[in-house]
Amino acid sequence: MFDWKTREAQDEFDSGCKQALTLVFIENQEIEQVYEPETALVRGTAFPNLDKPFCPGGMKI
């Protein structure tokens, strides 16, 4: 029986409960086109399909 008021009981419980804080899923992508190095530096990415505009405050409709 656990006494949750003691640190030892909490440590004993926590030792068997290792869980990931996050999970990541990344699909495989094929490289179709890349920017020239100078353009990539300015745009912040080498991949045109990942080049998304930054709109402070959200997009205006």
PDB file of N, CA and C in Angstrom:
ATOM      1  N   MET A   1       0.846  -1.184   0.000  1.00  0.00           N
ATOM      2  CA  MET A   1       0.000   0.000   0.000  1.00  0.00           C
ATOM      3  C   MET A   1       0.890   1.246   0.000  1.00  0.00           C
ATOM      4  N   PHE A   2       0.519   2.199  -0.857  1.00  0.00           N
ATOM      5  CA  PHE A   2       1.309   3.425  -0.986  1.00  0.00           C
ATOM      6  C   PHE A   2       0.769   4.522  -0.083  1.00  0.00           C
ATOM      7  N   ASP A   3       1.703   5.267   0.485  1.00  0.00           N
ATOM      8  CA  ASP A   3       1.355   6.494   1.196  1.00  0.00           C
ATOM      9  C   ASP A   3       1.832   7.632   0.307  1.00  0.00           C
ATOM     10  N   TRP A   4       0.924   8.251  -0.432  1.00  0.00           N
ATOM     11  CA  TRP A   4       1.282   9.265  -1.419  1.00  0.00           C
ATOM     12  C   TRP A   4       1.883  10.519  -0.804  1.00  0.00           C
ATOM     13  N   LYS A   5       1.867  10.621   0.499  1.00  0.00           N
ATOM     14  CA  LYS A   5       2.433  11.798   1.155  1.00  0.00           C
ATOM     15  C   LYS A   5       3.941  11.696   1.321  1.00  0.00           C
ATOM     16  N   THR A   6       4.504  10.515   1.076  1.00  0.00           N
ATOM     17  CA  THR A   6       5.950  10.370   1.244  1.00  0.00           C
ATOM     18  C   THR A   6       6.636  10.368  -0.120  1.00  0.00           C
ATOM     19  N   ARG A   7       7.806  10.932  -0.173  1.00  0.00           N
ATOM     20  CA  ARG A   7       8.571  11.005  -1.408  1.00  0.00           C
ATOM     21  C   ARG A   7       8.993   9.611  -1.869  1.00  0.00           C
ATOM     22  N   GLU A   8       9.294   8.722  -0.938  1.00  0.00           N
ATOM     23  CA  GLU A   8       9.713   7.368  -1.295  1.00  0.00           C
ATOM     24  C   GLU A   8       8.608   6.638  -2.046  1.00  0.00           C
ATOM     25  N   ALA A   9       7.375   6.795  -1.622  1.00  0.00           N
ATOM     26  CA  ALA A   9       6.252   6.145  -2.298  1.00  0.00           C
ATOM     27  C   ALA A   9       6.101   6.701  -3.714  1.00  0.00           C
ATOM     28  N   GLN A  10       6.252   7.995  -3.862  1.00  0.00           N
ATOM     29  CA  GLN A  10       6.143   8.608  -5.182  1.00  0.00           C
ATOM     30  C   GLN A  10       7.273   8.134  -6.094  1.00  0.00           C
ATOM     31  N   ASP A  11       8.500   8.057  -5.569  1.00  0.00           N
ATOM     32  CA  ASP A  11       9.637   7.568  -6.351  1.00  0.00           C
ATOM     33  C   ASP A  11       9.423   6.122  -6.786  1.00  0.00           C
ATOM     34  N   GLU A  12       8.905   5.292  -5.883  1.00  0.00           N
ATOM     35  CA  GLU A  12       8.659   3.890  -6.205  1.00  0.00           C
ATOM     36  C   GLU A  12       7.612   3.780  -7.320  1.00  0.00           C
ATOM     37  N   PHE A  13       6.592   4.594  -7.275  1.00  0.00           N
ATOM     38  CA  PHE A  13       5.549   4.590  -8.305  1.00  0.00           C
ATOM     39  C   PHE A  13       6.101   5.109  -9.628  1.00  0.00           C
ATOM     40  N   ASP A  14       6.839   6.215  -9.615  1.00  0.00           N
ATOM     41  CA  ASP A  14       7.370   6.828 -10.823  1.00  0.00           C
ATOM     42  C   ASP A  14       8.384   5.949 -11.541  1.00  0.00           C
ATOM     43  N   SER A  15       9.104   5.109 -10.811  1.00  0.00           N
ATOM     44  CA  SER A  15      10.175   4.325 -11.426  1.00  0.00           C
ATOM     45  C   SER A  15       9.659   3.365 -12.489  1.00  0.00           C
ATOM     46  N   GLY A  16       8.428   2.943 -12.431  1.00  0.00           N
ATOM     47  CA  GLY A  16       7.877   2.028 -13.416  1.00  0.00           C
ATOM     48  C   GLY A  16       7.050   2.709 -14.479  1.00  0.00           C
ATOM     49  N   CYS A  17       6.988   4.035 -14.486  1.00  0.00           N
ATOM     50  CA  CYS A  17       6.108   4.756 -15.404  1.00  0.00           C
ATOM     51  C   CYS A  17       6.890   5.711 -16.296  1.00  0.00           C
ATOM     52  N   LYS A  18       7.763   5.177 -17.088  1.00  0.00           N
ATOM     53  CA  LYS A  18       8.530   6.029 -18.004  1.00  0.00           C
ATOM     54  C   LYS A  18       7.736   6.192 -19.295  1.00  0.00           C
ATOM     55  N   GLN A  19       7.355   7.412 -19.609  1.00  0.00           N
ATOM     56  CA  GLN A  19       6.595   7.690 -20.816  1.00  0.00           C
ATOM     57  C   GLN A  19       7.225   8.855 -21.556  1.00  0.00           C
ATOM     58  N   ALA A  20       7.089   8.826 -22.871  1.00  0.00           N
ATOM     59  CA  ALA A  20       7.595   9.923 -23.691  1.00  0.00           C
ATOM     60  C   ALA A  20       6.701  11.142 -23.509  1.00  0.00           C
ATOM     61  N   LEU A  21       7.305  12.318 -23.515  1.00  0.00           N
ATOM     62  CA  LEU A  21       6.527  13.545 -23.428  1.00  0.00           C
ATOM     63  C   LEU A  21       5.866  13.874 -24.751  1.00  0.00           C
ATOM     64  N   THR A  22       6.506  13.485 -25.850  1.00  0.00           N
ATOM     65  CA  THR A  22       5.955  13.764 -27.173  1.00  0.00           C
ATOM     66  C   THR A  22       6.244  12.586 -28.102  1.00  0.00           C
ATOM     67  N   LEU A  23       5.497  12.524 -29.171  1.00  0.00           N
ATOM     68  CA  LEU A  23       5.742  11.570 -30.241  1.00  0.00           C
ATOM     69  C   LEU A  23       5.851  12.363 -31.534  1.00  0.00           C
ATOM     70  N   VAL A  24       6.726  11.931 -32.414  1.00  0.00           N
ATOM     71  CA  VAL A  24       6.952  12.642 -33.664  1.00  0.00           C
ATOM     72  C   VAL A  24       6.697  11.698 -34.829  1.00  0.00           C
ATOM     73  N   PHE A  25       5.984  12.192 -35.831  1.00  0.00           N
ATOM     74  CA  PHE A  25       5.780  11.448 -37.067  1.00  0.00           C
ATOM     75  C   PHE A  25       6.209  12.331 -38.214  1.00  0.00           C
ATOM     76  N   ILE A  26       7.160  11.862 -38.995  1.00  0.00           N
ATOM     77  CA  ILE A  26       7.645  12.625 -40.137  1.00  0.00           C
ATOM     78  C   ILE A  26       7.568  11.725 -41.363  1.00  0.00           C
ATOM     79  N   GLU A  27       6.803  12.155 -42.347  1.00  0.00           N
ATOM     80  CA  GLU A  27       6.705  11.374 -43.576  1.00  0.00           C
ATOM     81  C   GLU A  27       7.981  11.518 -44.394  1.00  0.00           C
ATOM     82  N   ASN A  28       8.324  10.455 -45.105  1.00  0.00           N
ATOM     83  CA  ASN A  28       9.455  10.544 -46.025  1.00  0.00           C
ATOM     84  C   ASN A  28       9.090  11.473 -47.163  1.00  0.00           C
ATOM     85  N   GLN A  29      10.007  12.338 -47.533  1.00  0.00           N
ATOM     86  CA  GLN A  29       9.776  13.284 -48.619  1.00  0.00           C
ATOM     87  C   GLN A  29      10.909  13.158 -49.624  1.00  0.00           C
ATOM     88  N   GLU A  30      10.543  13.264 -50.884  1.00  0.00           N
ATOM     89  CA  GLU A  30      11.554  13.253 -51.922  1.00  0.00           C
ATOM     90  C   GLU A  30      11.916  14.688 -52.272  1.00  0.00           C
ATOM     91  N   ILE A  31      13.203  14.930 -52.470  1.00  0.00           N
ATOM     92  CA  ILE A  31      13.660  16.263 -52.837  1.00  0.00           C
ATOM     93  C   ILE A  31      13.412  16.462 -54.327  1.00  0.00           C
ATOM     94  N   GLU A  32      12.530  17.391 -54.646  1.00  0.00           N
ATOM     95  CA  GLU A  32      12.203  17.650 -56.041  1.00  0.00           C
ATOM     96  C   GLU A  32      12.987  18.839 -56.584  1.00  0.00           C
ATOM     97  N   GLN A  33      13.108  19.868 -55.769  1.00  0.00           N
ATOM     98  CA  GLN A  33      13.766  21.091 -56.213  1.00  0.00           C
ATOM     99  C   GLN A  33      14.356  21.773 -54.985  1.00  0.00           C
ATOM    100  N   VAL A  34      15.479  22.446 -55.160  1.00  0.00           N
ATOM    101  CA  VAL A  34      16.070  23.228 -54.078  1.00  0.00           C
ATOM    102  C   VAL A  34      16.451  24.603 -54.610  1.00  0.00           C
ATOM    103  N   TYR A  35      16.414  25.586 -53.704  1.00  0.00           N
ATOM    104  CA  TYR A  35      16.852  26.935 -54.065  1.00  0.00           C
ATOM    105  C   TYR A  35      18.369  26.979 -54.216  1.00  0.00           C
ATOM    106  N   GLU A  36      18.829  27.970 -54.935  1.00  0.00           N
ATOM    107  CA  GLU A  36      20.262  28.269 -54.969  1.00  0.00           C
ATOM    108  C   GLU A  36      20.661  28.694 -53.541  1.00  0.00           C
ATOM    109  N   PRO A  37      21.905  28.468 -53.135  1.00  0.00           N
ATOM    110  CA  PRO A  37      22.320  28.793 -51.764  1.00  0.00           C
ATOM    111  C   PRO A  37      22.007  30.225 -51.332  1.00  0.00           C
ATOM    112  N   GLU A  38      22.210  31.202 -52.222  1.00  0.00           N
ATOM    113  CA  GLU A  38      21.955  32.603 -51.858  1.00  0.00           C
ATOM    114  C   GLU A  38      20.458  32.826 -51.583  1.00  0.00           C
ATOM    115  N   THR A  39      19.603  32.236 -52.412  1.00  0.00           N
ATOM    116  CA  THR A  39      18.151  32.366 -52.225  1.00  0.00           C
ATOM    117  C   THR A  39      17.717  31.644 -50.959  1.00  0.00           C
ATOM    118  N   ALA A  40      18.257  30.457 -50.738  1.00  0.00           N
ATOM    119  CA  ALA A  40      17.907  29.678 -49.544  1.00  0.00           C
ATOM    120  C   ALA A  40      18.243  30.449 -48.273  1.00  0.00           C
ATOM    121  N   LEU A  41      19.369  31.142 -48.263  1.00  0.00           N
ATOM    122  CA  LEU A  41      19.770  31.926 -47.091  1.00  0.00           C
ATOM    123  C   LEU A  41      18.766  33.045 -46.821  1.00  0.00           C
ATOM    124  N   VAL A  42      18.327  33.712 -47.876  1.00  0.00           N
ATOM    125  CA  VAL A  42      17.362  34.807 -47.724  1.00  0.00           C
ATOM    126  C   VAL A  42      15.991  34.284 -47.317  1.00  0.00           C
ATOM    127  N   ARG A  43      15.549  33.169 -47.918  1.00  0.00           N
ATOM    128  CA  ARG A  43      14.216  32.623 -47.674  1.00  0.00           C
ATOM    129  C   ARG A  43      14.129  31.827 -46.374  1.00  0.00           C
ATOM    130  N   GLY A  44      15.263  31.365 -45.856  1.00  0.00           N
ATOM    131  CA  GLY A  44      15.262  30.609 -44.603  1.00  0.00           C
ATOM    132  C   GLY A  44      15.031  29.121 -44.795  1.00  0.00           C
ATOM    133  N   THR A  45      14.993  28.664 -46.039  1.00  0.00           N
ATOM    134  CA  THR A  45      14.860  27.247 -46.346  1.00  0.00           C
ATOM    135  C   THR A  45      15.432  26.987 -47.728  1.00  0.00           C
ATOM    136  N   ALA A  46      15.921  25.774 -47.926  1.00  0.00           N
ATOM    137  CA  ALA A  46      16.437  25.398 -49.241  1.00  0.00           C
ATOM    138  C   ALA A  46      15.344  24.767 -50.105  1.00  0.00           C
ATOM    139  N   PHE A  47      14.183  24.501 -49.508  1.00  0.00           N
ATOM    140  CA  PHE A  47      13.134  23.763 -50.194  1.00  0.00           C
ATOM    141  C   PHE A  47      11.926  24.646 -50.486  1.00  0.00           C
ATOM    142  N   PRO A  48      11.636  24.894 -51.762  1.00  0.00           N
ATOM    143  CA  PRO A  48      10.498  25.753 -52.121  1.00  0.00           C
ATOM    144  C   PRO A  48       9.161  25.275 -51.560  1.00  0.00           C
ATOM    145  N   ASN A  49       8.954  23.957 -51.458  1.00  0.00           N
ATOM    146  CA  ASN A  49       7.675  23.472 -50.935  1.00  0.00           C
ATOM    147  C   ASN A  49       7.518  23.712 -49.431  1.00  0.00           C
ATOM    148  N   LEU A  50       8.593  24.086 -48.742  1.00  0.00           N
ATOM    149  CA  LEU A  50       8.504  24.444 -47.323  1.00  0.00           C
ATOM    150  C   LEU A  50       8.547  25.958 -47.109  1.00  0.00           C
ATOM    151  N   ASP A  51       8.632  26.707 -48.180  1.00  0.00           N
ATOM    152  CA  ASP A  51       8.742  28.162 -48.113  1.00  0.00           C
ATOM    153  C   ASP A  51       7.350  28.768 -47.915  1.00  0.00           C
ATOM    154  N   LYS A  52       7.021  29.049 -46.687  1.00  0.00           N
ATOM    155  CA  LYS A  52       5.694  29.604 -46.342  1.00  0.00           C
ATOM    156  C   LYS A  52       5.881  31.034 -45.836  1.00  0.00           C
ATOM    157  N   PRO A  53       4.984  31.920 -46.232  1.00  0.00           N
ATOM    158  CA  PRO A  53       5.124  33.311 -45.787  1.00  0.00           C
ATOM    159  C   PRO A  53       4.855  33.458 -44.290  1.00  0.00           C
ATOM    160  N   PHE A  54       5.580  34.367 -43.667  1.00  0.00           N
ATOM    161  CA  PHE A  54       5.340  34.685 -42.257  1.00  0.00           C
ATOM    162  C   PHE A  54       4.418  35.891 -42.214  1.00  0.00           C
ATOM    163  N   CYS A  55       3.277  35.726 -41.594  1.00  0.00           N
ATOM    164  CA  CYS A  55       2.290  36.782 -41.509  1.00  0.00           C
ATOM    165  C   CYS A  55       2.054  37.141 -40.041  1.00  0.00           C
ATOM    166  N   PRO A  56       2.744  38.149 -39.516  1.00  0.00           N
ATOM    167  CA  PRO A  56       2.526  38.523 -38.116  1.00  0.00           C
ATOM    168  C   PRO A  56       1.049  38.833 -37.874  1.00  0.00           C
ATOM    169  N   GLY A  57       0.497  38.241 -36.823  1.00  0.00           N
ATOM    170  CA  GLY A  57      -0.905  38.470 -36.496  1.00  0.00           C
ATOM    171  C   GLY A  57      -1.866  37.614 -37.291  1.00  0.00           C
ATOM    172  N   GLY A  58      -1.361  36.707 -38.114  1.00  0.00           N
ATOM    173  CA  GLY A  58      -2.215  35.825 -38.908  1.00  0.00           C
ATOM    174  C   GLY A  58      -2.434  36.376 -40.297  1.00  0.00           C
ATOM    175  N   MET A  59      -3.028  35.554 -41.129  1.00  0.00           N
ATOM    176  CA  MET A  59      -3.262  35.960 -42.513  1.00  0.00           C
ATOM    177  C   MET A  59      -4.489  36.871 -42.576  1.00  0.00           C
ATOM    178  N   LYS A  60      -4.408  37.870 -43.393  1.00  0.00           N
ATOM    179  CA  LYS A  60      -5.519  38.790 -43.605  1.00  0.00           C
ATOM    180  C   LYS A  60      -6.403  38.238 -44.716  1.00  0.00           C
ATOM    181  N   ILE A  61      -7.678  38.174 -44.454  1.00  0.00           N
ATOM    182  CA  ILE A  61      -8.616  37.640 -45.468  1.00  0.00           C
ATOM    183  C   ILE A  61      -9.348  38.785 -46.128  1.00  0.00           C
TER     184      ILE A  61
END
